[in-house]
Amino acid sequence: IKTGIVEIITDPDAAEIYVDGVKAEKLSNTSLELVEGKHLIALYLQKTNYNHSFVVDVKDGQQETIKIALRGNLEVETYTQKPSQTPAILDVYIDSRHVGKSPLSLTDIVAGTHNLKVITEGVAKERQIEIRPASPLLVRYKIIREPAPVNKKDEKGVDDVTF
């Protein structure tokens, strides 16, 4: 039988490996001996539910190293209806972990599905985002400040924040 070696290096490591639809016994950052010919390799990150597939053409007696970064970029920013207003600053959380304040540019986020939560002036907004390698994601929040109904006893009013 003619075989070759395929070394699969990923960042992050510990991706599950599937060869032609069959789960390999090893996780990424390993070498696999495969029969000569084309094979569909699928990598799966269980924590973020991310799949990445590619085809490898194995040649008899050859060794090939494949390096794949399973990380992506995210930018979070705000804007307002009126140019005279200062954009709000958001506290940004990914998967319940505070990662900074907007405007924010993050690199090195593990590919896959994440929970993005932003908070400004006591108002929170949550959504699912999908991070993909080599495809940066920009999330823009439009902040709308509207006067709250004026209480008859207090004529000052307060701004409500929505987005």
Protein backbone atom coordinates (compact mmCIF):
# COMPACT_ATOMS: atom_id res chain seq x y z
CA ILE A 1 0.00 0.00 0.00
CA LYS A 2 1.30 3.43 -0.97
CA THR A 3 1.11 5.99 1.85
CA GLY A 4 2.26 9.45 2.80
CA ILE A 5 2.38 11.51 5.97
CA VAL A 6 0.25 14.60 6.58
CA GLU A 7 1.15 16.72 9.58
CA ILE A 8 -1.71 18.97 10.71
CA ILE A 9 -0.79 21.96 12.87
CA THR A 10 -3.58 24.22 14.14
CA ASP A 11 -3.86 27.29 16.33
CA PRO A 12 -5.53 26.74 18.69
CA ASP A 13 -4.55 23.12 19.04
CA ALA A 14 -6.81 20.22 20.04
CA ALA A 15 -9.11 20.39 17.01
CA GLU A 16 -10.85 17.10 16.27
CA ILE A 17 -9.73 15.63 12.93
CA TYR A 18 -11.97 13.79 10.48
CA VAL A 19 -10.52 12.06 7.42
CA ASP A 20 -13.03 11.31 4.68
CA GLY A 21 -15.84 11.60 7.25
CA VAL A 22 -14.26 9.29 9.83
CA LYS A 23 -13.04 10.69 13.14
CA ALA A 24 -9.31 10.21 13.64
CA GLU A 25 -8.04 8.93 16.97
CA LYS A 26 -5.77 11.96 17.30
CA LEU A 27 -6.34 15.69 17.77
CA SER A 28 -4.58 18.35 15.69
CA ASN A 29 -0.86 19.08 15.99
CA THR A 30 -0.14 15.54 14.95
CA SER A 31 0.88 13.45 11.95
CA LEU A 32 -1.39 11.08 10.07
CA GLU A 33 -0.33 8.29 7.71
CA LEU A 34 -2.80 8.26 4.83
CA VAL A 35 -3.21 6.15 1.71
CA GLU A 36 -2.05 7.83 -1.50
CA GLY A 37 -4.73 9.96 -3.16
CA LYS A 38 -7.09 12.80 -2.31
CA HIS A 39 -8.67 13.00 1.13
CA LEU A 40 -11.18 15.38 2.68
CA ILE A 41 -9.85 16.63 6.02
CA ALA A 42 -12.27 18.32 8.42
CA LEU A 43 -11.22 20.08 11.60
CA TYR A 44 -13.77 20.67 14.34
CA LEU A 45 -13.49 22.94 17.40
CA GLN A 46 -16.09 21.59 19.79
CA LYS A 47 -15.99 24.57 22.19
CA THR A 48 -17.06 27.05 19.48
CA ASN A 49 -18.79 24.62 17.09
CA TYR A 50 -16.48 25.59 14.21
CA ASN A 51 -15.74 23.38 11.19
CA HIS A 52 -12.98 23.87 8.65
CA SER A 53 -12.52 21.49 5.70
CA PHE A 54 -9.90 21.12 3.00
CA VAL A 55 -8.66 18.53 0.53
CA VAL A 56 -5.17 17.07 0.71
CA ASP A 57 -3.52 15.09 -2.10
CA VAL A 58 -1.26 12.48 -0.51
CA LYS A 59 1.73 11.24 -2.53
CA ASP A 60 3.53 7.97 -1.80
CA GLY A 61 6.48 8.44 0.53
CA GLN A 62 6.02 12.19 0.89
CA GLN A 63 5.43 14.22 4.02
CA GLU A 64 3.36 17.41 3.96
CA THR A 65 2.84 19.90 6.79
CA ILE A 66 -0.37 21.92 6.81
CA LYS A 67 -0.64 24.88 9.20
CA ILE A 68 -4.06 26.40 9.81
CA ALA A 69 -4.88 29.36 12.05
CA LEU A 70 -8.38 28.88 13.41
CA ARG A 71 -8.64 32.44 14.69
CA GLY A 72 -10.28 35.62 13.46
CA ASN A 73 -10.76 39.33 14.13
CA LEU A 74 -13.61 41.40 15.58
CA GLU A 75 -14.18 45.15 15.63
CA VAL A 76 -16.86 46.80 17.76
CA GLU A 77 -17.76 50.45 17.31
CA THR A 78 -20.64 52.87 17.84
CA TYR A 79 -22.11 55.80 15.99
CA THR A 80 -24.88 58.30 16.68
CA GLN A 81 -27.80 59.79 14.78
CA LYS A 82 -26.45 63.29 15.18
CA PRO A 83 -22.88 64.17 14.24
CA SER A 84 -22.79 66.63 17.15
CA GLN A 85 -23.21 63.80 19.69
CA THR A 86 -20.21 61.95 21.04
CA PRO A 87 -20.40 58.21 20.27
CA ALA A 88 -21.17 56.13 23.36
CA ILE A 89 -18.48 53.92 24.85
CA LEU A 90 -19.51 50.29 25.17
CA ASP A 91 -18.23 47.72 27.64
CA VAL A 92 -17.64 44.68 25.44
CA TYR A 93 -17.95 41.06 26.62
CA ILE A 94 -17.25 37.89 24.66
CA ASP A 95 -18.60 34.68 26.18
CA SER A 96 -19.21 36.53 29.49
CA ARG A 97 -15.58 37.75 29.67
CA HIS A 98 -14.92 41.51 29.60
CA VAL A 99 -12.53 42.21 26.71
CA GLY A 100 -12.44 46.01 26.63
CA LYS A 101 -14.26 49.20 25.69
CA SER A 102 -15.31 50.45 22.26
CA PRO A 103 -14.02 51.37 19.82
CA LEU A 104 -12.34 47.99 20.02
CA SER A 105 -10.34 45.87 17.61
CA LEU A 106 -9.61 42.31 18.69
CA THR A 107 -7.41 39.79 16.96
CA ASP A 108 -6.80 36.19 17.84
CA ILE A 109 -10.40 35.20 18.66
CA VAL A 110 -10.93 31.45 18.28
CA ALA A 111 -13.08 30.77 15.22
CA GLY A 112 -16.69 29.75 15.75
CA THR A 113 -19.81 30.90 17.53
CA HIS A 114 -19.51 33.33 20.43
CA ASN A 115 -21.86 35.39 22.57
CA LEU A 116 -21.22 39.15 22.19
CA LYS A 117 -22.63 41.43 24.88
CA VAL A 118 -22.27 45.20 25.02
CA ILE A 119 -23.36 47.53 27.80
CA THR A 120 -23.62 51.32 27.81
CA GLU A 121 -25.30 53.58 30.34
CA GLY A 122 -27.02 50.62 31.99
CA VAL A 123 -28.46 49.23 28.74
CA ALA A 124 -27.26 45.82 27.52
CA LYS A 125 -27.49 44.19 24.10
CA GLU A 126 -26.57 40.55 23.38
CA ARG A 127 -26.19 38.59 20.17
CA GLN A 128 -24.51 35.53 18.72
CA ILE A 129 -21.60 36.22 16.37
CA GLU A 130 -19.65 33.96 14.07
CA ILE A 131 -15.88 34.48 13.90
CA ARG A 132 -14.15 33.14 10.80
CA PRO A 133 -10.44 33.07 9.96
CA ALA A 134 -9.35 35.57 7.30
CA SER A 135 -12.76 37.28 7.39
CA PRO A 136 -12.83 40.12 9.94
CA LEU A 137 -16.19 40.90 11.53
CA LEU A 138 -17.27 44.51 12.13
CA VAL A 139 -20.18 45.07 14.53
CA ARG A 140 -21.51 48.64 14.63
CA TYR A 141 -24.08 49.82 17.15
CA LYS A 142 -26.20 52.89 16.47
CA ILE A 143 -26.87 54.69 19.73
CA ILE A 144 -30.11 56.65 19.85
CA ARG A 145 -30.60 59.12 22.68
CA GLU A 146 -34.17 60.27 23.14
CA PRO A 147 -35.60 62.47 25.86
CA ALA A 148 -37.54 60.49 28.45
CA PRO A 149 -41.09 61.59 29.21
CA VAL A 150 -40.94 64.60 31.50
CA ASN A 151 -42.37 64.06 34.97
CA LYS A 152 -44.72 66.90 35.90
CA LYS A 153 -42.83 67.37 39.18
CA ASP A 154 -39.39 67.30 37.49
CA GLU A 155 -39.13 69.31 34.27
CA LYS A 156 -35.48 68.43 33.60
CA GLY A 157 -36.07 65.07 31.93
CA VAL A 158 -33.45 62.36 31.40
CA ASP A 159 -32.11 60.82 28.21
CA ASP A 160 -33.14 57.24 27.46
CA VAL A 161 -30.57 55.16 25.60
CA THR A 162 -31.58 52.51 23.05
CA PHE A 163 -29.69 50.65 20.37
